[in-house]
Protein backbone atom coordinates (compact mmCIF):
# COMPACT_ATOMS: atom_id res chain seq x y z
CA MET A 1 0.00 0.04 0.03
CA GLU A 2 1.59 3.42 -1.07
CA ILE A 3 0.68 6.13 1.55
CA LEU A 4 3.87 8.20 1.27
CA LYS A 5 3.61 11.75 0.24
CA LYS A 6 6.05 13.74 -1.91
CA GLU A 7 8.02 15.32 0.95
CA HIS A 8 8.55 11.72 2.53
CA THR A 9 9.77 10.21 -0.66
CA ILE A 10 12.55 13.03 -0.79
CA GLY A 11 13.16 12.71 3.05
CA ALA A 12 13.92 9.19 2.39
CA ALA A 13 16.93 10.41 0.83
CA PHE A 14 18.43 11.17 4.34
CA LEU A 15 17.83 7.55 5.59
CA ALA A 16 21.08 6.01 4.37
CA MET A 17 23.36 8.34 6.02
CA PRO A 18 21.44 10.60 8.45
CA TRP A 19 24.77 12.32 9.57
CA LYS A 20 25.41 13.56 6.13
CA LYS A 21 24.72 17.13 4.50
CA LEU A 22 23.22 16.68 1.20
CA THR A 23 23.39 18.83 -2.04
CA TYR A 24 20.42 19.11 -4.38
CA ASN A 25 22.10 16.63 -6.76
CA ASP A 26 22.83 14.22 -3.81
CA ILE A 27 19.00 14.27 -3.06
CA LYS A 28 18.26 13.95 -6.77
CA ASN A 29 20.47 10.96 -7.29
CA ILE A 30 19.69 9.13 -4.06
CA SER A 31 16.04 9.66 -4.70
CA GLY A 32 15.89 8.93 -8.37
CA LYS A 33 13.42 11.95 -8.88
CA LYS A 34 13.92 14.07 -11.88
CA SER A 35 11.70 16.82 -11.63
CA LYS A 36 13.14 20.06 -10.07
CA GLY A 37 9.70 21.05 -9.10
CA TYR A 38 8.91 17.76 -7.52
CA ILE A 39 11.97 17.95 -5.45
CA TYR A 40 11.97 21.62 -4.45
CA ASN A 41 8.38 21.49 -3.61
CA ALA A 42 9.05 18.54 -1.36
CA LEU A 43 12.28 20.40 0.39
CA SER A 44 10.22 23.41 1.23
CA HIS A 45 7.52 21.41 2.90
CA LEU A 46 10.25 19.59 4.87
CA MET A 47 11.94 22.94 5.73
CA HIS A 48 8.51 24.40 6.80
CA ALA A 49 7.89 21.34 8.79
CA GLU A 50 11.60 21.69 10.51
CA ILE A 51 12.70 18.24 9.42
CA ILE A 52 15.57 19.78 7.48
CA SER A 53 17.53 22.96 7.55
CA THR A 54 19.73 24.57 4.95
CA GLU A 55 23.32 25.84 5.28
CA GLN A 56 25.30 27.75 2.27
CA VAL A 57 28.86 26.52 1.97
CA GLY A 58 30.82 28.42 -0.76
CA LYS A 59 28.50 28.14 -3.75
CA SER A 60 26.56 25.02 -2.26
CA LEU A 61 23.30 24.84 -0.58
CA LEU A 62 23.65 22.00 2.07
CA TYR A 63 20.63 20.13 3.21
CA SER A 64 20.71 18.22 6.68
CA LEU A 65 18.29 16.69 9.13
CA ASN A 66 17.30 18.49 12.39
CA LEU A 67 18.04 15.15 14.22
CA ASP A 68 18.09 16.46 17.80
CA SER A 69 14.30 16.90 17.27
CA LEU A 70 12.15 14.24 18.90
CA GLN A 71 9.65 14.98 15.80
CA VAL A 72 12.43 14.32 13.42
CA GLN A 73 13.49 11.10 15.26
CA SER A 74 9.79 10.01 14.90
CA TYR A 75 9.64 10.90 11.26
CA LEU A 76 12.65 9.10 10.35
CA GLY A 77 11.53 6.25 12.25
CA PHE A 78 8.44 5.91 10.53
CA LEU A 79 9.85 6.33 7.06
CA LYS A 80 12.56 3.63 7.82
CA GLU A 81 10.19 1.24 9.46
CA TYR A 82 7.59 1.75 6.64
CA THR A 83 10.43 1.14 3.85
CA SER A 84 11.63 -1.61 5.68
CA TRP A 85 8.11 -3.43 5.82
CA ASN A 86 7.89 -2.95 2.24
CA GLU A 87 11.07 -4.74 1.10
CA LYS A 88 9.89 -7.95 -0.87
CA HIS A 89 12.88 -9.93 -0.10
CA ILE A 90 12.90 -9.84 3.62
CA PRO A 91 11.09 -12.89 5.27
CA LYS A 92 8.65 -10.70 7.36
CA GLN A 93 6.93 -13.84 8.95
CA VAL A 94 10.56 -14.81 10.58
CA ILE A 95 10.59 -11.44 11.90
CA GLU A 96 7.28 -11.57 13.26
CA ASN A 97 7.97 -15.00 15.07
CA ILE A 98 11.35 -13.84 16.43
CA SER A 99 9.77 -10.61 17.64
CA SER A 100 7.03 -12.52 19.43
CA LYS A 101 9.46 -14.45 21.64
CA ILE A 102 10.92 -11.29 23.21
CA SER A 103 9.47 -10.53 26.71
CA THR A 104 10.22 -6.79 26.94
CA LYS A 105 7.78 -4.54 25.39
CA PHE A 106 10.68 -2.01 24.19
CA PHE A 107 13.37 -3.04 21.74
CA ILE A 108 14.75 -2.13 18.40
CA PHE A 109 14.69 -4.83 15.67
CA LEU A 110 17.23 -4.42 12.98
CA VAL A 111 18.01 -6.62 9.94
CA SER A 112 21.66 -6.26 8.92
CA GLY A 113 24.17 -8.21 6.89
CA SER A 114 23.61 -9.72 3.51
CA TYR A 115 19.85 -9.17 3.70
CA ALA A 116 20.23 -5.50 4.41
CA LYS A 117 22.56 -5.13 1.37
CA LYS A 118 20.51 -7.24 -0.83
CA THR A 119 23.16 -9.51 -1.67
CA GLN A 120 21.65 -12.51 0.29
CA THR A 121 21.85 -15.96 -1.36
CA LYS A 122 19.42 -19.30 -0.52
CA LYS A 123 22.40 -20.13 1.92
CA SER A 124 22.40 -16.72 3.88
CA ASP A 125 21.51 -16.50 7.31
CA LEU A 126 19.17 -13.65 8.29
CA ASP A 127 21.34 -11.24 10.45
CA VAL A 128 19.19 -9.87 13.12
CA ILE A 129 20.17 -7.15 15.92
CA ILE A 130 18.08 -6.44 18.97
CA ILE A 131 18.58 -3.52 20.89
CA CYS A 132 17.10 -3.33 24.40
CA ASP A 133 17.03 -0.88 27.40
CA ASP A 134 20.01 -1.02 29.51
CA PHE A 135 18.45 -2.68 32.60
CA PHE A 136 17.51 -5.84 30.54
CA ASP A 137 20.17 -8.42 30.29
CA PRO A 138 20.98 -9.29 26.46
CA LYS A 139 21.80 -12.69 27.26
CA ASN A 140 18.13 -13.37 28.52
CA ILE A 141 16.80 -12.03 25.26
CA TYR A 142 19.17 -14.00 23.00
CA ALA A 143 17.89 -16.91 25.03
CA GLN A 144 14.31 -16.29 24.46
CA ILE A 145 14.94 -16.10 20.61
CA SER A 146 17.66 -18.61 19.94
CA TYR A 147 15.46 -21.65 19.45
CA GLU A 148 13.32 -19.70 17.01
CA GLY A 149 16.12 -18.37 15.05
CA GLU A 150 17.79 -21.70 14.93
CA THR A 151 14.38 -23.36 13.59
CA SER A 152 13.68 -20.87 11.01
CA ILE A 153 13.84 -20.69 7.32
CA PRO A 154 16.24 -18.64 6.85
CA ILE A 155 18.27 -19.39 9.86
CA VAL A 156 18.35 -16.39 12.02
CA HIS A 157 21.66 -15.24 13.41
CA PRO A 158 20.75 -12.80 16.45
CA TYR A 159 22.79 -10.33 18.19
CA VAL A 160 21.39 -8.80 21.19
CA PHE A 161 22.96 -5.32 22.56
CA THR A 162 21.79 -2.70 25.24
CA LYS A 163 21.28 1.03 24.11
CA THR A 164 24.77 1.74 25.82
CA GLN A 165 26.59 -1.16 24.38
CA PHE A 166 25.10 -0.18 20.82
CA LEU A 167 26.19 3.55 21.29
CA ASP A 168 29.75 2.67 22.63
CA MET A 169 30.36 0.66 19.44
CA LEU A 170 29.22 3.56 17.38
CA LEU A 171 31.94 5.79 19.54
CA ASP A 172 34.59 3.13 19.32
CA ASN A 173 37.66 4.31 17.14
CA LYS A 174 37.98 0.71 15.66
CA GLU A 175 35.61 -0.74 13.18
CA ASN A 176 33.07 -2.97 14.43
CA TYR A 177 29.77 -4.50 13.90
CA GLY A 178 27.74 -1.84 15.11
CA LYS A 179 29.14 0.58 12.83
CA GLU A 180 28.67 -1.76 10.05
CA ALA A 181 25.03 -2.16 10.92
CA VAL A 182 24.29 1.70 10.96
CA ARG A 183 25.52 1.74 7.34
CA HIS A 184 23.34 -0.95 6.13
CA ASN A 185 20.20 -1.91 8.01
CA PHE A 186 16.50 -2.32 7.81
CA ILE A 187 14.45 -1.45 10.96
CA PHE A 188 11.03 -3.15 11.66
CA CYS A 189 10.48 -1.73 15.27
CA GLY A 190 11.83 1.07 17.52
CA GLY A 191 12.64 3.17 14.58
CA SER A 192 12.25 6.45 16.74
CA GLU A 193 14.44 5.17 19.46
CA TYR A 194 17.11 3.99 17.09
CA TYR A 195 17.48 7.54 15.75
CA SER A 196 17.75 8.88 19.06
CA ILE A 197 20.65 6.52 19.73
CA LEU A 198 22.26 7.58 16.50
CA ASN A 199 21.68 11.30 17.22
CA GLU A 200 23.64 10.80 20.45
CA ALA A 201 26.41 9.16 18.65
CA ILE A 202 26.51 12.05 15.91
CA LYS A 203 26.73 14.54 18.68
CA HIS A 204 29.86 12.80 20.01
CA GLY A 205 31.45 12.67 16.86
CA PHE A 206 30.15 9.75 14.71
CA ARG A 207 30.26 10.10 11.26
CA GLY A 208 29.70 6.64 9.80
């Protein structure tokens, strides 16, 4: 079901690298839209809604997300979840089954790895990341979903982190799985909370 408006389609251009400032040409290329009127009209709506702001750097006008805003985090979370659930190659019933085994009401559910890059084969596992509140033990959540994952088709390879653990990975100087997951993921639950963590990382220097 297609429910996204023009500004949502252009807003989705910021999803891959929310920390990056984009030029008009960047947005045009990422969105695949060719009409200047379409793009500028959508950008105007997004600026009016204070989703994005502009900055003149030399001769270039740069567009960036107002990621400090709770409204923007919710907006991005909706866009990312919507586009993720509409990815036809993702085994959505497996995601539903895994999610139903998690006892806590709050969690962020990401798909990463080859399925996020769309390079999966018939032999590929489905890499799943669960991010939970700090007062939960990731080992308990892993135990709740491990059997379901082992018996799923495709087999699910789960990773479970607390919010602090995931944030620490993003702020680590070394390359790690958290950074890779931020660069390539689909989000199926907890989108706004995910962008809240990402915003915190960006404020402390994370740039992908």
